[in-house]
């Protein structure tokens, strides 16, 4: 029975990716670690451009916000962003990933206390079974007071 379910899932996935050509390209390139080409970027140029097909992301909590772009490069998910605070408190940016069904602990990538901005870049090994969330949290030591998490591993289809 397990084999039958697995076979159906594979067949369904193949049929779905065939019906939407972009998914085939994105999935195949994600497995190979190359960023998918955008509509404005020729496929030949994509292999040599690390920031090809960058996808914007943003998250916020109270007086802090973080925004940037993400893309795939050489089998890694790259996050490039800026954490900005307009208030007096301390805030931080955290990510949490799950690989298959294994949920990994939160990782802090940036922190700021008081008004201002700080740039950050983070990388994570990436395959099609990895899902990730980014959050902006009050304080710099834990994730007990955070804004809503935003997915950093979904890819636009279109």
Protein backbone atom coordinates (compact mmCIF):
# COMPACT_ATOMS: atom_id res chain seq x y z
CA UNK A 1 0.00 0.00 0.00
CA UNK A 2 2.84 2.37 0.77
CA UNK A 3 4.34 1.77 -2.66
CA UNK A 4 1.02 2.49 -4.34
CA UNK A 5 0.60 5.81 -2.51
CA UNK A 6 4.17 6.81 -3.31
CA UNK A 7 3.64 5.92 -6.97
CA UNK A 8 0.47 8.00 -7.12
CA UNK A 9 2.20 10.97 -5.55
CA UNK A 10 5.02 10.74 -8.08
CA UNK A 11 2.58 10.37 -10.97
CA UNK A 12 0.47 13.29 -9.73
CA UNK A 13 3.54 15.47 -9.28
CA UNK A 14 4.80 14.63 -12.75
CA UNK A 15 1.40 15.38 -14.29
CA UNK A 16 1.17 18.65 -12.37
CA UNK A 17 4.60 19.78 -13.38
CA UNK A 18 3.97 18.84 -16.99
CA UNK A 19 0.74 20.84 -17.04
CA UNK A 20 2.58 23.95 -15.79
CA UNK A 21 5.89 24.21 -17.63
CA UNK A 22 7.31 26.71 -15.15
CA UNK A 23 7.03 24.24 -12.29
CA UNK A 24 9.08 21.68 -14.21
CA UNK A 25 11.79 24.27 -14.77
CA UNK A 26 11.77 25.57 -11.19
CA UNK A 27 11.75 22.08 -9.65
CA UNK A 28 14.49 20.78 -11.93
CA UNK A 29 16.63 23.83 -11.32
CA UNK A 30 16.00 23.75 -7.57
CA UNK A 31 17.26 20.17 -7.49
CA UNK A 32 20.37 21.15 -9.42
CA UNK A 33 20.93 24.28 -7.31
CA UNK A 34 20.58 26.77 -10.16
CA UNK A 35 18.21 29.73 -9.88
CA UNK A 36 15.21 29.51 -12.23
CA UNK A 37 15.09 32.00 -15.07
CA UNK A 38 12.63 34.84 -14.85
CA UNK A 39 10.54 35.94 -17.81
CA UNK A 40 12.94 38.82 -18.44
CA UNK A 41 16.16 36.79 -18.00
CA UNK A 42 17.34 34.47 -20.80
CA UNK A 43 18.00 30.92 -19.61
CA UNK A 44 21.64 31.08 -20.75
CA UNK A 45 22.29 34.17 -18.63
CA UNK A 46 20.67 32.59 -15.56
CA UNK A 47 23.42 30.01 -15.02
CA UNK A 48 26.01 32.74 -14.67
CA UNK A 49 23.88 35.15 -12.61
CA UNK A 50 23.71 34.35 -8.90
CA UNK A 51 20.82 36.70 -8.17
CA UNK A 52 18.65 35.60 -11.10
CA UNK A 53 14.96 35.20 -10.35
CA UNK A 54 15.17 36.99 -7.01
CA UNK A 55 11.90 36.88 -5.09
CA UNK A 56 11.06 39.72 -2.68
CA UNK A 57 10.09 38.99 0.94
CA UNK A 58 9.09 41.16 3.90
CA UNK A 59 8.09 40.71 7.55
CA UNK A 60 7.40 43.06 10.45
CA UNK A 61 6.64 43.27 14.15
CA UNK A 62 5.76 46.41 16.14
CA UNK A 63 8.26 49.15 15.13
CA UNK A 64 10.60 46.86 13.19
CA UNK A 65 10.44 45.52 9.67
CA UNK A 66 12.68 43.43 7.48
CA UNK A 67 12.63 43.18 3.70
CA UNK A 68 14.84 41.88 0.94
CA UNK A 69 15.19 39.29 -1.80
CA UNK A 70 15.81 35.55 -1.89
CA UNK A 71 17.10 33.24 -4.60
CA UNK A 72 18.78 29.90 -5.18
CA UNK A 73 22.49 29.69 -5.93
CA UNK A 74 24.68 26.57 -6.02
CA UNK A 75 22.27 24.44 -3.96
CA UNK A 76 21.74 27.13 -1.35
CA UNK A 77 18.87 29.45 -0.51
CA UNK A 78 20.26 32.98 -0.22
CA UNK A 79 18.47 35.65 1.83
CA UNK A 80 19.59 39.23 1.40
CA UNK A 81 17.80 41.87 3.44
CA UNK A 82 17.66 44.84 5.73
CA UNK A 83 16.27 44.98 9.27
CA UNK A 84 14.90 48.44 10.09
CA UNK A 85 13.64 49.77 13.43
CA UNK A 86 11.86 53.10 13.91
CA UNK A 87 11.47 52.76 17.68
CA UNK A 88 13.68 52.42 20.74
CA UNK A 89 13.47 48.68 21.45
CA UNK A 90 15.61 45.81 20.24
CA UNK A 91 14.51 43.53 17.38
CA UNK A 92 15.96 40.59 15.50
CA UNK A 93 15.41 38.48 12.37
CA UNK A 94 15.12 34.71 12.74
CA UNK A 95 14.59 31.80 10.35
CA UNK A 96 13.37 28.30 10.99
CA UNK A 97 13.63 25.44 8.53
CA UNK A 98 12.15 21.99 8.27
CA UNK A 99 13.70 19.22 6.18
CA UNK A 100 11.12 16.56 5.38
CA UNK A 101 9.46 16.27 8.81
CA UNK A 102 12.46 17.35 10.91
CA UNK A 103 11.97 20.86 12.29
CA UNK A 104 15.25 22.63 13.01
CA UNK A 105 15.72 25.29 15.73
CA UNK A 106 15.44 29.02 15.02
CA UNK A 107 18.57 30.80 13.78
CA UNK A 108 19.17 34.52 14.32
CA UNK A 109 20.54 36.49 11.36
CA UNK A 110 20.41 40.14 12.41
CA UNK A 111 19.62 42.36 15.38
CA UNK A 112 19.18 46.06 16.01
CA UNK A 113 18.57 48.16 19.12
CA UNK A 114 17.11 51.64 18.66
CA UNK A 115 16.27 53.40 15.43
CA UNK A 116 18.25 52.53 12.32
CA UNK A 117 18.90 49.78 9.81
CA UNK A 118 21.23 46.83 9.50
CA UNK A 119 21.88 44.76 6.36
CA UNK A 120 22.29 40.99 6.48
CA UNK A 121 22.83 38.01 4.20
CA UNK A 122 22.12 34.41 5.14
CA UNK A 123 22.43 31.09 3.30
CA UNK A 124 20.93 27.66 3.89
CA UNK A 125 21.39 24.37 2.04
CA UNK A 126 18.26 23.87 -0.04
CA UNK A 127 16.44 20.97 -1.68
CA UNK A 128 12.83 20.63 -2.70
CA UNK A 129 11.96 19.03 0.68
CA UNK A 130 13.12 22.05 2.70
CA UNK A 131 10.58 24.61 3.93
CA UNK A 132 11.46 27.77 5.78
CA UNK A 133 9.90 30.67 7.65
CA UNK A 134 11.32 34.09 8.54
CA UNK A 135 10.13 36.19 11.51
CA UNK A 136 10.91 39.55 13.06
CA UNK A 137 10.96 39.32 16.87
CA UNK A 138 11.14 41.77 19.77
CA UNK A 139 14.41 41.36 21.64
CA UNK A 140 17.60 39.64 20.57
CA UNK A 141 17.71 36.43 22.59
CA UNK A 142 14.64 34.36 21.67
CA UNK A 143 11.50 34.01 19.55
CA UNK A 144 8.81 34.40 22.22
CA UNK A 145 7.43 37.75 20.93
CA UNK A 146 7.37 37.72 17.13
CA UNK A 147 5.37 38.91 14.18
CA UNK A 148 3.78 36.44 11.81
CA UNK A 149 6.15 34.15 9.97
CA UNK A 150 6.54 34.52 6.21
CA UNK A 151 7.45 31.65 3.92
CA UNK A 152 10.86 31.98 2.33
CA UNK A 153 10.73 28.74 0.38
CA UNK A 154 7.63 29.09 -1.79
CA UNK A 155 8.32 30.00 -5.39
CA UNK A 156 6.07 31.99 -7.67
CA UNK A 157 4.45 30.11 -10.50
CA UNK A 158 3.76 32.11 -13.59
